[in-house]
Amino acid sequence: MLPTSLKRNPARLRQFRRINKYIRNALLAMTLLLITIVTGVVGFIVIDDYSLGEAFYMTIITLSTVGYGEVNVLSPSGRIFTSFLIIFNLGVFAYAITILSNFIVEGELRLFLKNYRMYKLIQKMENHTIVCGFGRHGHQVCQELKSSNLPFVIIESDDEKIDLLEDSGHRYLHGDATSDEVL
């Protein structure tokens, strides 16, 4: 269930859904990698009677395409299994790189980290003033608080004003000040 503050703010809701999609896809990529490793280990143990350590080592050098050489000579079935393991892993690796690249290229990682840092800074604040809105009056209040060296946090819902706040260096939350969850 989504918080009310997200439901009221379509831009934040879209951002939340994009980040949620990236996290789900990253978890899927990690799950596929784990399945590939487990499949490789079990396959080498069953097909060519490797020990657990040998099977894990063979799986890792196969998946990483290092190509050191086999622990023991592979049977024809083992070679076929290794070939399919490599092909499947290439797909998993390509998928994982695509997910990570999209997250970085589209700027979601930067935005996520910036919002997280801001959240952590605000969490550490004590005895601060909350300024609701960065309009004409809110801007003047912030100037006065800043000149008096008093800590404050701005709550703003307008995307254009958020861009101004990012440039100003003020601590802010993007949300609706009438929401108890945001306050």
N, C-alpha and C. Protein backbone atom coordinates (compact mmCIF):
# COMPACT_ATOMS: atom_id res chain seq x y z
N MET A 1 0.85 -1.18 0.00
CA MET A 1 0.00 0.00 0.00
C MET A 1 0.89 1.24 0.00
N LEU A 2 0.54 2.20 -0.85
CA LEU A 2 1.34 3.41 -0.98
C LEU A 2 0.95 4.44 0.07
N PRO A 3 1.94 5.19 0.58
CA PRO A 3 1.62 6.28 1.51
C PRO A 3 0.79 7.35 0.81
N THR A 4 -0.03 8.05 1.58
CA THR A 4 -0.89 9.09 1.04
C THR A 4 -0.09 10.18 0.35
N SER A 5 1.11 10.51 0.89
CA SER A 5 1.93 11.56 0.29
C SER A 5 2.34 11.21 -1.13
N LEU A 6 2.54 9.93 -1.43
CA LEU A 6 2.87 9.53 -2.79
C LEU A 6 1.65 9.60 -3.70
N LYS A 7 0.49 9.23 -3.16
CA LYS A 7 -0.73 9.25 -3.97
C LYS A 7 -1.08 10.67 -4.38
N ARG A 8 -0.77 11.65 -3.54
CA ARG A 8 -1.11 13.04 -3.83
C ARG A 8 -0.11 13.72 -4.75
N ASN A 9 1.06 13.14 -4.92
CA ASN A 9 2.10 13.77 -5.70
C ASN A 9 2.47 12.85 -6.87
N PRO A 10 1.92 13.13 -8.06
CA PRO A 10 2.15 12.24 -9.20
C PRO A 10 3.63 12.12 -9.59
N ALA A 11 4.40 13.19 -9.48
CA ALA A 11 5.83 13.12 -9.85
C ALA A 11 6.58 12.19 -8.91
N ARG A 12 6.32 12.30 -7.62
CA ARG A 12 6.98 11.42 -6.65
C ARG A 12 6.53 9.97 -6.83
N LEU A 13 5.25 9.80 -7.17
CA LEU A 13 4.73 8.45 -7.40
C LEU A 13 5.43 7.81 -8.59
N ARG A 14 5.62 8.56 -9.69
CA ARG A 14 6.33 8.03 -10.85
C ARG A 14 7.77 7.67 -10.48
N GLN A 15 8.43 8.54 -9.71
CA GLN A 15 9.80 8.27 -9.28
C GLN A 15 9.86 7.02 -8.41
N PHE A 16 8.92 6.91 -7.48
CA PHE A 16 8.86 5.74 -6.60
C PHE A 16 8.67 4.47 -7.42
N ARG A 17 7.78 4.50 -8.40
CA ARG A 17 7.53 3.32 -9.22
C ARG A 17 8.73 2.96 -10.08
N ARG A 18 9.45 3.98 -10.61
CA ARG A 18 10.65 3.69 -11.40
C ARG A 18 11.72 3.04 -10.54
N ILE A 19 11.96 3.59 -9.36
CA ILE A 19 12.97 3.02 -8.47
C ILE A 19 12.56 1.62 -8.04
N ASN A 20 11.28 1.44 -7.74
CA ASN A 20 10.78 0.13 -7.35
C ASN A 20 10.99 -0.88 -8.49
N LYS A 21 10.77 -0.45 -9.73
CA LYS A 21 10.99 -1.32 -10.88
C LYS A 21 12.46 -1.71 -10.99
N TYR A 22 13.36 -0.74 -10.81
CA TYR A 22 14.79 -1.03 -10.89
C TYR A 22 15.22 -1.99 -9.78
N ILE A 23 14.69 -1.81 -8.60
CA ILE A 23 15.04 -2.71 -7.49
C ILE A 23 14.55 -4.12 -7.78
N ARG A 24 13.33 -4.25 -8.28
CA ARG A 24 12.80 -5.57 -8.63
C ARG A 24 13.66 -6.22 -9.71
N ASN A 25 14.04 -5.45 -10.73
CA ASN A 25 14.86 -6.01 -11.81
C ASN A 25 16.25 -6.39 -11.31
N ALA A 26 16.83 -5.59 -10.42
CA ALA A 26 18.14 -5.92 -9.86
C ALA A 26 18.05 -7.19 -9.02
N LEU A 27 16.98 -7.33 -8.25
CA LEU A 27 16.79 -8.55 -7.47
C LEU A 27 16.60 -9.76 -8.38
N LEU A 28 15.91 -9.56 -9.49
CA LEU A 28 15.73 -10.65 -10.45
C LEU A 28 17.09 -11.05 -11.04
N ALA A 29 17.91 -10.07 -11.39
CA ALA A 29 19.24 -10.38 -11.95
C ALA A 29 20.10 -11.13 -10.93
N MET A 30 20.07 -10.69 -9.67
CA MET A 30 20.85 -11.39 -8.64
C MET A 30 20.31 -12.80 -8.41
N THR A 31 18.99 -12.95 -8.45
CA THR A 31 18.40 -14.28 -8.29
C THR A 31 18.81 -15.19 -9.43
N LEU A 32 18.78 -14.67 -10.65
CA LEU A 32 19.20 -15.48 -11.80
C LEU A 32 20.67 -15.87 -11.69
N LEU A 33 21.50 -14.95 -11.22
CA LEU A 33 22.92 -15.28 -11.04
C LEU A 33 23.09 -16.37 -9.99
N LEU A 34 22.36 -16.25 -8.90
CA LEU A 34 22.43 -17.27 -7.84
C LEU A 34 21.96 -18.63 -8.36
N ILE A 35 20.87 -18.62 -9.13
CA ILE A 35 20.36 -19.87 -9.72
C ILE A 35 21.41 -20.47 -10.65
N THR A 36 22.08 -19.63 -11.43
CA THR A 36 23.11 -20.10 -12.34
C THR A 36 24.26 -20.76 -11.57
N ILE A 37 24.68 -20.13 -10.47
CA ILE A 37 25.77 -20.69 -9.66
C ILE A 37 25.35 -22.03 -9.06
N VAL A 38 24.16 -22.06 -8.48
CA VAL A 38 23.69 -23.31 -7.87
C VAL A 38 23.55 -24.41 -8.93
N THR A 39 22.99 -24.05 -10.08
CA THR A 39 22.86 -25.02 -11.17
C THR A 39 24.22 -25.54 -11.61
N GLY A 40 25.18 -24.64 -11.73
CA GLY A 40 26.52 -25.05 -12.13
C GLY A 40 27.16 -26.00 -11.14
N VAL A 41 27.06 -25.65 -9.86
CA VAL A 41 27.65 -26.50 -8.82
C VAL A 41 26.99 -27.88 -8.83
N VAL A 42 25.67 -27.90 -8.82
CA VAL A 42 24.95 -29.18 -8.81
C VAL A 42 25.25 -29.97 -10.09
N GLY A 43 25.30 -29.29 -11.22
CA GLY A 43 25.58 -29.97 -12.49
C GLY A 43 26.95 -30.61 -12.50
N PHE A 44 27.98 -29.90 -12.05
CA PHE A 44 29.33 -30.48 -12.03
C PHE A 44 29.42 -31.64 -11.04
N ILE A 45 28.70 -31.54 -9.93
CA ILE A 45 28.72 -32.64 -8.95
C ILE A 45 28.03 -33.87 -9.54
N VAL A 46 26.87 -33.69 -10.15
CA VAL A 46 26.09 -34.82 -10.65
C VAL A 46 26.70 -35.42 -11.93
N ILE A 47 27.09 -34.56 -12.87
CA ILE A 47 27.54 -35.05 -14.17
C ILE A 47 28.96 -35.63 -14.12
N ASP A 48 29.88 -34.90 -13.48
CA ASP A 48 31.28 -35.33 -13.51
C ASP A 48 31.83 -35.70 -12.14
N ASP A 49 30.96 -35.85 -11.16
CA ASP A 49 31.35 -36.34 -9.84
C ASP A 49 32.44 -35.48 -9.18
N TYR A 50 32.31 -34.15 -9.32
CA TYR A 50 33.26 -33.24 -8.66
C TYR A 50 32.89 -33.10 -7.20
N SER A 51 33.85 -32.72 -6.36
CA SER A 51 33.54 -32.39 -4.96
C SER A 51 32.88 -31.02 -4.95
N LEU A 52 32.33 -30.64 -3.81
CA LEU A 52 31.66 -29.33 -3.71
C LEU A 52 32.63 -28.19 -4.04
N GLY A 53 33.81 -28.24 -3.49
CA GLY A 53 34.80 -27.19 -3.75
C GLY A 53 35.21 -27.13 -5.21
N GLU A 54 35.44 -28.29 -5.81
CA GLU A 54 35.81 -28.34 -7.23
C GLU A 54 34.66 -27.84 -8.11
N ALA A 55 33.44 -28.23 -7.78
CA ALA A 55 32.28 -27.81 -8.56
C ALA A 55 32.08 -26.30 -8.47
N PHE A 56 32.24 -25.76 -7.26
CA PHE A 56 32.09 -24.30 -7.11
C PHE A 56 33.17 -23.58 -7.90
N TYR A 57 34.41 -24.04 -7.79
CA TYR A 57 35.52 -23.43 -8.52
C TYR A 57 35.27 -23.48 -10.03
N MET A 58 34.87 -24.63 -10.53
CA MET A 58 34.59 -24.77 -11.96
C MET A 58 33.44 -23.86 -12.39
N THR A 59 32.44 -23.75 -11.56
CA THR A 59 31.32 -22.87 -11.89
C THR A 59 31.78 -21.41 -11.98
N ILE A 60 32.55 -20.97 -11.01
CA ILE A 60 32.99 -19.58 -11.00
C ILE A 60 33.91 -19.28 -12.18
N ILE A 61 34.87 -20.17 -12.48
CA ILE A 61 35.76 -19.86 -13.62
C ILE A 61 35.02 -19.98 -14.95
N THR A 62 33.98 -20.80 -14.99
CA THR A 62 33.17 -20.90 -16.21
C THR A 62 32.32 -19.64 -16.38
N LEU A 63 31.65 -19.20 -15.32
CA LEU A 63 30.78 -18.04 -15.41
C LEU A 63 31.56 -16.76 -15.65
N SER A 64 32.73 -16.67 -15.07
CA SER A 64 33.54 -15.45 -15.24
C SER A 64 34.33 -15.48 -16.54
N THR A 65 34.29 -16.57 -17.26
CA THR A 65 35.01 -16.80 -18.50
C THR A 65 36.51 -16.56 -18.34
N VAL A 66 37.05 -16.89 -17.18
CA VAL A 66 38.48 -16.76 -16.94
C VAL A 66 39.25 -17.76 -17.78
N GLY A 67 38.77 -18.99 -17.83
CA GLY A 67 39.38 -19.99 -18.66
C GLY A 67 40.67 -20.57 -18.14
N TYR A 68 40.80 -20.72 -16.83
CA TYR A 68 42.01 -21.30 -16.25
C TYR A 68 42.25 -22.74 -16.71
N GLY A 69 41.26 -23.48 -16.77
CA GLY A 69 41.41 -24.90 -17.11
C GLY A 69 40.57 -25.73 -16.17
N GLU A 70 40.31 -26.93 -16.57
CA GLU A 70 39.42 -27.79 -15.81
C GLU A 70 40.15 -28.41 -14.63
N VAL A 71 39.43 -28.61 -13.56
CA VAL A 71 39.96 -29.29 -12.39
C VAL A 71 40.26 -30.74 -12.75
N ASN A 72 39.30 -31.36 -13.35
CA ASN A 72 39.42 -32.72 -13.89
C ASN A 72 38.90 -32.68 -15.32
N VAL A 73 39.30 -33.63 -16.10
CA VAL A 73 38.83 -33.68 -17.49
C VAL A 73 37.32 -33.87 -17.50
N LEU A 74 36.65 -33.06 -18.31
CA LEU A 74 35.19 -33.14 -18.40
C LEU A 74 34.77 -34.28 -19.32
N SER A 75 33.69 -34.92 -18.97
CA SER A 75 33.10 -35.93 -19.84
C SER A 75 32.39 -35.22 -20.98
N PRO A 76 31.99 -35.93 -22.04
CA PRO A 76 31.22 -35.28 -23.11
C PRO A 76 29.94 -34.62 -22.57
N SER A 77 29.28 -35.25 -21.62
CA SER A 77 28.08 -34.64 -21.02
C SER A 77 28.46 -33.39 -20.24
N GLY A 78 29.58 -33.43 -19.57
CA GLY A 78 30.06 -32.27 -18.82
C GLY A 78 30.38 -31.10 -19.73
N ARG A 79 30.93 -31.39 -20.90
CA ARG A 79 31.23 -30.32 -21.87
C ARG A 79 29.94 -29.68 -22.39
N ILE A 80 28.96 -30.50 -22.68
CA ILE A 80 27.67 -29.96 -23.15
C ILE A 80 27.03 -29.11 -22.04
N PHE A 81 27.07 -29.63 -20.82
CA PHE A 81 26.52 -28.88 -19.68
C PHE A 81 27.25 -27.53 -19.53
N THR A 82 28.59 -27.56 -19.60
CA THR A 82 29.37 -26.32 -19.47
C THR A 82 29.03 -25.34 -20.58
N SER A 83 28.82 -25.82 -21.79
CA SER A 83 28.46 -24.95 -22.91
C SER A 83 27.13 -24.24 -22.65
N PHE A 84 26.15 -25.00 -22.20
CA PHE A 84 24.85 -24.39 -21.90
C PHE A 84 24.94 -23.44 -20.70
N LEU A 85 25.77 -23.78 -19.73
CA LEU A 85 25.97 -22.90 -18.57
C LEU A 85 26.55 -21.55 -19.02
N ILE A 86 27.51 -21.60 -19.94
CA ILE A 86 28.11 -20.36 -20.46
C ILE A 86 27.08 -19.54 -21.22
N ILE A 87 26.33 -20.18 -22.09
CA ILE A 87 25.31 -19.47 -22.89
C ILE A 87 24.27 -18.83 -21.98
N PHE A 88 23.76 -19.59 -21.01
CA PHE A 88 22.76 -19.04 -20.10
C PHE A 88 23.34 -17.88 -19.30
N ASN A 89 24.59 -18.03 -18.84
CA ASN A 89 25.21 -16.98 -18.04
C ASN A 89 25.43 -15.71 -18.86
N LEU A 90 25.73 -15.83 -20.14
CA LEU A 90 25.88 -14.63 -20.97
C LEU A 90 24.59 -13.82 -20.98
N GLY A 91 23.45 -14.51 -21.06
CA GLY A 91 22.16 -13.82 -21.01
C GLY A 91 21.93 -13.15 -19.67
N VAL A 92 22.24 -13.85 -18.58
CA VAL A 92 22.07 -13.30 -17.23
C VAL A 92 22.97 -12.08 -17.06
N PHE A 93 24.23 -12.20 -17.49
CA PHE A 93 25.19 -11.11 -17.36
C PHE A 93 24.73 -9.90 -18.18
N ALA A 94 24.28 -10.13 -19.40
CA ALA A 94 23.80 -9.02 -20.25
C ALA A 94 22.60 -8.33 -19.60
N TYR A 95 21.69 -9.11 -19.04
CA TYR A 95 20.52 -8.55 -18.36
C TYR A 95 20.94 -7.70 -17.16
N ALA A 96 21.86 -8.22 -16.35
CA ALA A 96 22.30 -7.48 -15.16
C ALA A 96 22.99 -6.18 -15.54
N ILE A 97 23.84 -6.22 -16.55
CA ILE A 97 24.54 -5.00 -17.00
C ILE A 97 23.54 -3.98 -17.55
N THR A 98 22.55 -4.46 -18.27
CA THR A 98 21.52 -3.55 -18.80
C THR A 98 20.77 -2.85 -17.68
N ILE A 99 20.38 -3.59 -16.66
CA ILE A 99 19.64 -3.02 -15.53
C ILE A 99 20.50 -1.96 -14.83
N LEU A 100 21.74 -2.31 -14.53
CA LEU A 100 22.63 -1.39 -13.85
C LEU A 100 22.91 -0.15 -14.69
N SER A 101 23.15 -0.35 -15.98
CA SER A 101 23.42 0.79 -16.87
C SER A 101 22.23 1.73 -16.96
N ASN A 102 21.03 1.17 -17.10
CA ASN A 102 19.84 2.02 -17.16
C ASN A 102 19.67 2.83 -15.88
N PHE A 103 19.91 2.21 -14.75
CA PHE A 103 19.76 2.89 -13.47
C PHE A 103 20.73 4.06 -13.38
N ILE A 104 21.95 3.87 -13.86
CA ILE A 104 22.96 4.93 -13.80
C ILE A 104 22.71 5.97 -14.88
N VAL A 105 22.50 5.54 -16.13
CA VAL A 105 22.36 6.47 -17.25
C VAL A 105 21.13 7.35 -17.10
N GLU A 106 20.03 6.79 -16.66
CA GLU A 106 18.81 7.58 -16.53
C GLU A 106 18.83 8.49 -15.31
N GLY A 107 19.88 8.45 -14.52
CA GLY A 107 20.03 9.37 -13.41
C GLY A 107 19.28 8.98 -12.15
N GLU A 108 18.64 7.83 -12.19
CA GLU A 108 17.85 7.42 -11.02
C GLU A 108 18.75 7.13 -9.82
N LEU A 109 19.93 6.58 -10.06
CA LEU A 109 20.84 6.29 -8.96
C LEU A 109 21.28 7.58 -8.28
N ARG A 110 21.65 8.57 -9.08
CA ARG A 110 22.06 9.87 -8.53
C ARG A 110 20.93 10.50 -7.74
N LEU A 111 19.73 10.49 -8.30
CA LEU A 111 18.58 11.07 -7.62
C LEU A 111 18.25 10.31 -6.34
N PHE A 112 18.30 9.00 -6.40
CA PHE A 112 18.03 8.18 -5.23
C PHE A 112 19.03 8.47 -4.12
N LEU A 113 20.32 8.52 -4.46
CA LEU A 113 21.35 8.78 -3.46
C LEU A 113 21.24 10.19 -2.89
N LYS A 114 20.92 11.15 -3.74
CA LYS A 114 20.76 12.53 -3.28
C LYS A 114 19.60 12.64 -2.29
N ASN A 115 18.48 12.02 -2.63
CA ASN A 115 17.32 12.05 -1.74
C ASN A 115 17.61 11.33 -0.43
N TYR A 116 18.35 10.24 -0.51
CA TYR A 116 18.70 9.49 0.69
C TYR A 116 19.62 10.31 1.60
N ARG A 117 20.62 10.96 1.02
CA ARG A 117 21.52 11.82 1.81
C ARG A 117 20.75 12.95 2.48
N MET A 118 19.84 13.57 1.74
CA MET A 118 19.03 14.66 2.29
C MET A 118 18.18 14.14 3.45
N TYR A 119 17.58 12.98 3.27
CA TYR A 119 16.75 12.38 4.32
C TYR A 119 17.59 12.12 5.57
N LYS A 120 18.81 11.61 5.40
CA LYS A 120 19.69 11.33 6.54
C LYS A 120 20.10 12.63 7.25
N LEU A 121 20.39 13.67 6.49
CA LEU A 121 20.74 14.96 7.10
C LEU A 121 19.59 15.51 7.93
N ILE A 122 18.40 15.41 7.38
CA ILE A 122 17.21 15.93 8.08
C ILE A 122 16.93 15.11 9.33
N GLN A 123 17.14 13.79 9.27
CA GLN A 123 16.90 12.93 10.43
C GLN A 123 17.78 13.32 11.61
N LYS A 124 18.97 13.83 11.34
CA LYS A 124 19.91 14.19 12.40
C LYS A 124 19.60 15.55 13.03
N MET A 125 18.76 16.33 12.40
CA MET A 125 18.47 17.68 12.90
C MET A 125 17.59 17.63 14.14
N GLU A 126 17.84 18.58 15.05
CA GLU A 126 17.03 18.74 16.25
C GLU A 126 16.74 20.22 16.44
N ASN A 127 15.60 20.50 17.05
CA ASN A 127 15.20 21.87 17.35
C ASN A 127 15.28 22.77 16.11
N HIS A 128 14.71 22.30 15.04
CA HIS A 128 14.74 23.06 13.80
C HIS A 128 13.34 23.57 13.47
N THR A 129 13.30 24.50 12.55
CA THR A 129 12.05 25.09 12.08
C THR A 129 11.65 24.41 10.78
N ILE A 130 10.35 24.18 10.64
CA ILE A 130 9.84 23.63 9.39
C ILE A 130 9.15 24.75 8.64
N VAL A 131 9.62 25.00 7.43
CA VAL A 131 9.03 26.03 6.58
C VAL A 131 8.17 25.31 5.54
N CYS A 132 6.88 25.61 5.57
CA CYS A 132 5.94 24.95 4.66
C CYS A 132 5.78 25.79 3.40
N GLY A 133 6.47 25.40 2.36
CA GLY A 133 6.38 26.09 1.08
C GLY A 133 7.53 27.06 0.88
N PHE A 134 7.99 27.14 -0.36
CA PHE A 134 9.10 28.02 -0.69
C PHE A 134 8.64 29.09 -1.67
N GLY A 135 7.46 29.63 -1.37
CA GLY A 135 6.95 30.73 -2.18
C GLY A 135 7.61 32.03 -1.76
N ARG A 136 6.95 33.14 -2.03
CA ARG A 136 7.53 34.45 -1.71
C ARG A 136 7.79 34.59 -0.21
N HIS A 137 6.81 34.24 0.61
CA HIS A 137 6.97 34.37 2.06
C HIS A 137 7.94 33.32 2.61
N GLY A 138 7.80 32.10 2.13
CA GLY A 138 8.69 31.04 2.58
C GLY A 138 10.15 31.35 2.26
N HIS A 139 10.39 31.95 1.09
CA HIS A 139 11.74 32.33 0.70
C HIS A 139 12.30 33.38 1.67
N GLN A 140 11.47 34.37 2.02
CA GLN A 140 11.92 35.41 2.96
C GLN A 140 12.18 34.83 4.35
N VAL A 141 11.32 33.93 4.79
CA VAL A 141 11.52 33.29 6.10
C VAL A 141 12.83 32.52 6.10
N CYS A 142 13.11 31.80 5.02
CA CYS A 142 14.36 31.03 4.94
C CYS A 142 15.59 31.94 4.96
N GLN A 143 15.50 33.08 4.28
CA GLN A 143 16.63 34.02 4.31
C GLN A 143 16.87 34.52 5.73
N GLU A 144 15.79 34.81 6.43
CA GLU A 144 15.90 35.30 7.81
C GLU A 144 16.47 34.22 8.73
N LEU A 145 15.99 32.98 8.59
CA LEU A 145 16.50 31.88 9.40
C LEU A 145 17.98 31.61 9.11
N LYS A 146 18.33 31.68 7.84
CA LYS A 146 19.72 31.44 7.45
C LYS A 146 20.65 32.52 8.01
N SER A 147 20.22 33.78 7.93
CA SER A 147 21.05 34.88 8.44
C SER A 147 21.18 34.82 9.96
N SER A 148 20.21 34.20 10.62
CA SER A 148 20.26 34.04 12.08
C SER A 148 20.93 32.73 12.50
N ASN A 149 21.43 31.95 11.52
CA ASN A 149 22.07 30.66 11.77
C ASN A 149 21.17 29.69 12.53
N LEU A 150 19.88 29.70 12.18
CA LEU A 150 18.93 28.78 12.79
C LEU A 150 18.65 27.64 11.81
N PRO A 151 18.63 26.39 12.29
CA PRO A 151 18.39 25.26 11.39
C PRO A 151 16.92 25.21 10.94
N PHE A 152 16.74 24.85 9.67
CA PHE A 152 15.38 24.76 9.13
C PHE A 152 15.33 23.75 8.00
N VAL A 153 14.10 23.25 7.77
CA VAL A 153 13.82 22.33 6.68
C VAL A 153 12.62 22.88 5.93
N ILE A 154 12.69 22.83 4.62
CA ILE A 154 11.61 23.33 3.78
C ILE A 154 10.83 22.12 3.24
N ILE A 155 9.52 22.22 3.32
CA ILE A 155 8.67 21.20 2.69
C ILE A 155 8.00 21.87 1.50
N GLU A 156 8.24 21.30 0.31
CA GLU A 156 7.72 21.90 -0.92
C GLU A 156 7.19 20.79 -1.83
N SER A 157 6.06 21.08 -2.49
CA SER A 157 5.47 20.08 -3.38
C SER A 157 5.64 20.45 -4.86
N ASP A 158 5.98 21.69 -5.16
CA ASP A 158 6.11 22.15 -6.54
C ASP A 158 7.46 21.72 -7.11
N ASP A 159 7.43 20.99 -8.23
CA ASP A 159 8.66 20.48 -8.84
C ASP A 159 9.61 21.60 -9.27
N GLU A 160 9.06 22.70 -9.78
CA GLU A 160 9.92 23.81 -10.22
C GLU A 160 10.65 24.44 -9.03
N LYS A 161 9.97 24.55 -7.91
CA LYS A 161 10.61 25.12 -6.72
C LYS A 161 11.63 24.15 -6.11
N ILE A 162 11.39 22.86 -6.30
CA ILE A 162 12.36 21.86 -5.84
C ILE A 162 13.68 22.06 -6.58
N ASP A 163 13.61 22.36 -7.87
CA ASP A 163 14.84 22.62 -8.63
C ASP A 163 15.59 23.81 -8.04
N LEU A 164 14.87 24.86 -7.63
CA LEU A 164 15.51 26.02 -6.99
C LEU A 164 16.15 25.62 -5.66
N LEU A 165 15.45 24.79 -4.91
CA LEU A 165 15.96 24.36 -3.61
C LEU A 165 17.23 23.52 -3.76
N GLU A 166 17.27 22.69 -4.79
CA GLU A 166 18.47 21.88 -5.02
C GLU A 166 19.68 22.77 -5.28
N ASP A 167 19.47 23.84 -6.02
CA ASP A 167 20.56 24.77 -6.33
C ASP A 167 20.95 25.63 -5.13
N SER A 168 20.01 25.87 -4.21
CA SER A 168 20.26 26.77 -3.09
C SER A 168 21.05 26.12 -1.96
N GLY A 169 21.04 24.80 -1.88
CA GLY A 169 21.75 24.12 -0.81
C GLY A 169 20.94 23.98 0.46
N HIS A 170 19.68 24.39 0.44
CA HIS A 170 18.82 24.25 1.63
C HIS A 170 18.43 22.80 1.82
N ARG A 171 18.12 22.43 3.05
CA ARG A 171 17.57 21.10 3.33
C ARG A 171 16.08 21.15 3.09
N TYR A 172 15.60 20.17 2.37
CA TYR A 172 14.18 20.20 1.98
C TYR A 172 13.64 18.78 1.85
N LEU A 173 12.32 18.71 1.89
CA LEU A 173 11.60 17.48 1.59
C LEU A 173 10.63 17.78 0.45
N HIS A 174 10.54 16.88 -0.49
CA HIS A 174 9.59 17.03 -1.59
C HIS A 174 8.31 16.34 -1.17
N GLY A 175 7.30 17.11 -0.86
CA GLY A 175 6.04 16.51 -0.42
C GLY A 175 5.02 17.57 -0.06
N ASP A 176 3.88 17.11 0.41
CA ASP A 176 2.75 17.97 0.78
C ASP A 176 2.82 18.27 2.28
N ALA A 177 2.96 19.53 2.62
CA ALA A 177 3.11 19.94 4.03
C ALA A 177 1.83 19.72 4.85
N THR A 178 0.70 19.49 4.17
CA THR A 178 -0.53 19.23 4.91
C THR A 178 -0.65 17.76 5.31
N SER A 179 0.29 16.93 4.86
CA SER A 179 0.28 15.52 5.17
C SER A 179 1.03 15.24 6.47
N ASP A 180 0.41 14.53 7.38
CA ASP A 180 1.06 14.17 8.65
C ASP A 180 2.30 13.33 8.40
N GLU A 181 2.25 12.44 7.38
CA GLU A 181 3.39 11.58 7.09
C GLU A 181 4.62 12.40 6.70
N VAL A 182 4.42 13.44 5.93
CA VAL A 182 5.54 14.28 5.51
C VAL A 182 6.06 15.08 6.68
N LEU A 183 5.16 15.65 7.49
CA LEU A 183 5.59 16.42 8.65
C LEU A 183 6.29 15.53 9.64
